[in-house]
Protein backbone atom coordinates (compact mmCIF):
# COMPACT_ATOMS: atom_id res chain seq x y z
CA UNK A 1 22.97 10.18 -21.48
CA UNK A 2 21.35 6.76 -20.89
CA UNK A 3 18.13 6.58 -18.66
CA UNK A 4 18.64 4.40 -15.61
CA UNK A 5 17.81 0.65 -15.38
CA UNK A 6 14.05 0.65 -14.56
CA UNK A 7 13.21 3.98 -15.76
CA UNK A 8 11.16 4.40 -19.05
CA UNK A 9 10.96 8.14 -20.28
CA UNK A 10 7.30 9.15 -21.21
CA UNK A 11 6.95 11.49 -23.91
CA UNK A 12 2.89 12.32 -23.64
CA UNK A 13 1.19 14.52 -26.46
CA UNK A 14 -1.43 17.00 -25.44
CA UNK A 15 -4.01 19.08 -27.52
CA UNK A 16 -4.35 22.75 -27.16
CA UNK A 17 -6.75 21.88 -24.78
CA UNK A 18 -4.32 19.95 -22.38
CA UNK A 19 -5.98 16.87 -23.04
CA UNK A 20 -3.51 13.76 -23.80
CA UNK A 21 -3.39 12.58 -27.22
CA UNK A 22 -0.70 10.32 -27.13
CA UNK A 23 1.72 8.63 -24.70
CA UNK A 24 -0.03 7.33 -21.42
CA UNK A 25 -3.43 7.18 -21.45
CA UNK A 26 -5.19 6.31 -18.02
CA UNK A 27 -8.66 5.27 -18.21
CA UNK A 28 -11.08 2.40 -17.12
CA UNK A 29 -9.26 -0.68 -17.18
CA UNK A 30 -12.44 -3.14 -15.75
CA UNK A 31 -12.34 -4.80 -18.88
CA UNK A 32 -8.54 -5.65 -19.28
CA UNK A 33 -8.61 -6.72 -15.44
CA UNK A 34 -11.61 -9.07 -16.57
CA UNK A 35 -9.45 -10.76 -19.40
CA UNK A 36 -6.60 -11.26 -17.71
CA UNK A 37 -8.57 -13.15 -15.04
CA UNK A 38 -10.60 -15.07 -17.00
CA UNK A 39 -7.30 -15.94 -19.24
CA UNK A 40 -4.93 -16.81 -16.28
CA UNK A 41 -4.34 -20.29 -14.77
CA UNK A 42 -4.29 -19.97 -10.78
CA UNK A 43 -0.70 -19.28 -10.02
CA UNK A 44 0.13 -17.14 -13.04
CA UNK A 45 -0.62 -14.22 -11.58
CA UNK A 46 2.50 -13.35 -9.39
CA UNK A 47 1.03 -10.97 -6.82
CA UNK A 48 -2.25 -12.95 -6.67
CA UNK A 49 -1.58 -16.58 -7.35
CA UNK A 50 -4.83 -17.74 -5.90
CA UNK A 51 -6.48 -15.51 -8.60
CA UNK A 52 -7.47 -16.73 -12.17
CA UNK A 53 -10.32 -18.74 -14.32
CA UNK A 54 -7.83 -20.55 -16.71
CA UNK A 55 -10.24 -20.54 -19.90
CA UNK A 56 -8.25 -22.83 -21.84
CA UNK A 57 -9.45 -25.60 -19.30
CA UNK A 58 -12.85 -25.32 -20.26
CA UNK A 59 -12.46 -25.17 -24.21
CA UNK A 60 -13.89 -28.85 -24.70
CA UNK A 61 -16.69 -28.64 -22.12
CA UNK A 62 -20.24 -29.39 -23.41
CA UNK A 63 -21.76 -27.30 -20.91
CA UNK A 64 -20.63 -23.91 -19.77
CA UNK A 65 -22.25 -23.80 -16.38
CA UNK A 66 -18.65 -24.20 -14.70
CA UNK A 67 -16.94 -21.66 -16.34
CA UNK A 68 -19.47 -19.50 -16.09
CA UNK A 69 -19.57 -20.02 -12.19
CA UNK A 70 -15.67 -19.81 -12.01
CA UNK A 71 -16.12 -16.42 -13.70
CA UNK A 72 -18.55 -15.02 -11.59
CA UNK A 73 -16.23 -16.30 -8.28
CA UNK A 74 -13.43 -15.18 -9.49
CA UNK A 75 -14.65 -11.53 -10.61
CA UNK A 76 -16.60 -11.13 -7.35
CA UNK A 77 -13.46 -11.40 -4.97
CA UNK A 78 -12.09 -8.83 -7.62
CA UNK A 79 -14.42 -6.44 -6.20
CA UNK A 80 -16.80 -6.67 -9.09
CA UNK A 81 -20.86 -6.63 -8.87
CA UNK A 82 -21.78 -8.95 -11.36
CA UNK A 83 -24.98 -8.26 -13.16
CA UNK A 84 -24.53 -10.78 -16.16
CA UNK A 85 -22.56 -13.80 -17.40
CA UNK A 86 -23.40 -15.34 -20.14
CA UNK A 87 -22.92 -16.32 -24.24
CA UNK A 88 -24.52 -14.27 -26.95
CA UNK A 89 -26.21 -16.06 -30.09
CA UNK A 90 -22.77 -16.26 -31.65
CA UNK A 91 -21.05 -18.15 -28.57
CA UNK A 92 -19.13 -14.75 -27.77
CA UNK A 93 -18.96 -14.68 -23.99
CA UNK A 94 -20.66 -11.39 -22.47
CA UNK A 95 -19.98 -10.18 -19.21
CA UNK A 96 -21.85 -7.28 -17.71
CA UNK A 97 -19.89 -6.27 -14.13
CA UNK A 98 -18.22 -3.21 -12.84
CA UNK A 99 -15.90 -2.52 -9.91
CA UNK A 100 -18.05 -1.90 -6.95
CA UNK A 101 -17.98 1.99 -5.95
């Protein structure tokens, strides 16, 4: 028998305590959402076309201030409390922000 169009069968593995060990695992998606918002250009997220930083546009910038400001604005609009945004000594973007509770 075929599954109806749009239906995906899920096979979830559980251990003896009932904890999910394989299949769908639901957890905190804060970091995934941050990455998506920072990477996407405005207009790329169909459900929210006004959302997005467009990180690729900032690659050649000498000063990261505009990039950091854009991230701050977008994550705040997303409902996150920003504690810090910056770059570490190796040039890696470091964000300390979480959804407001």
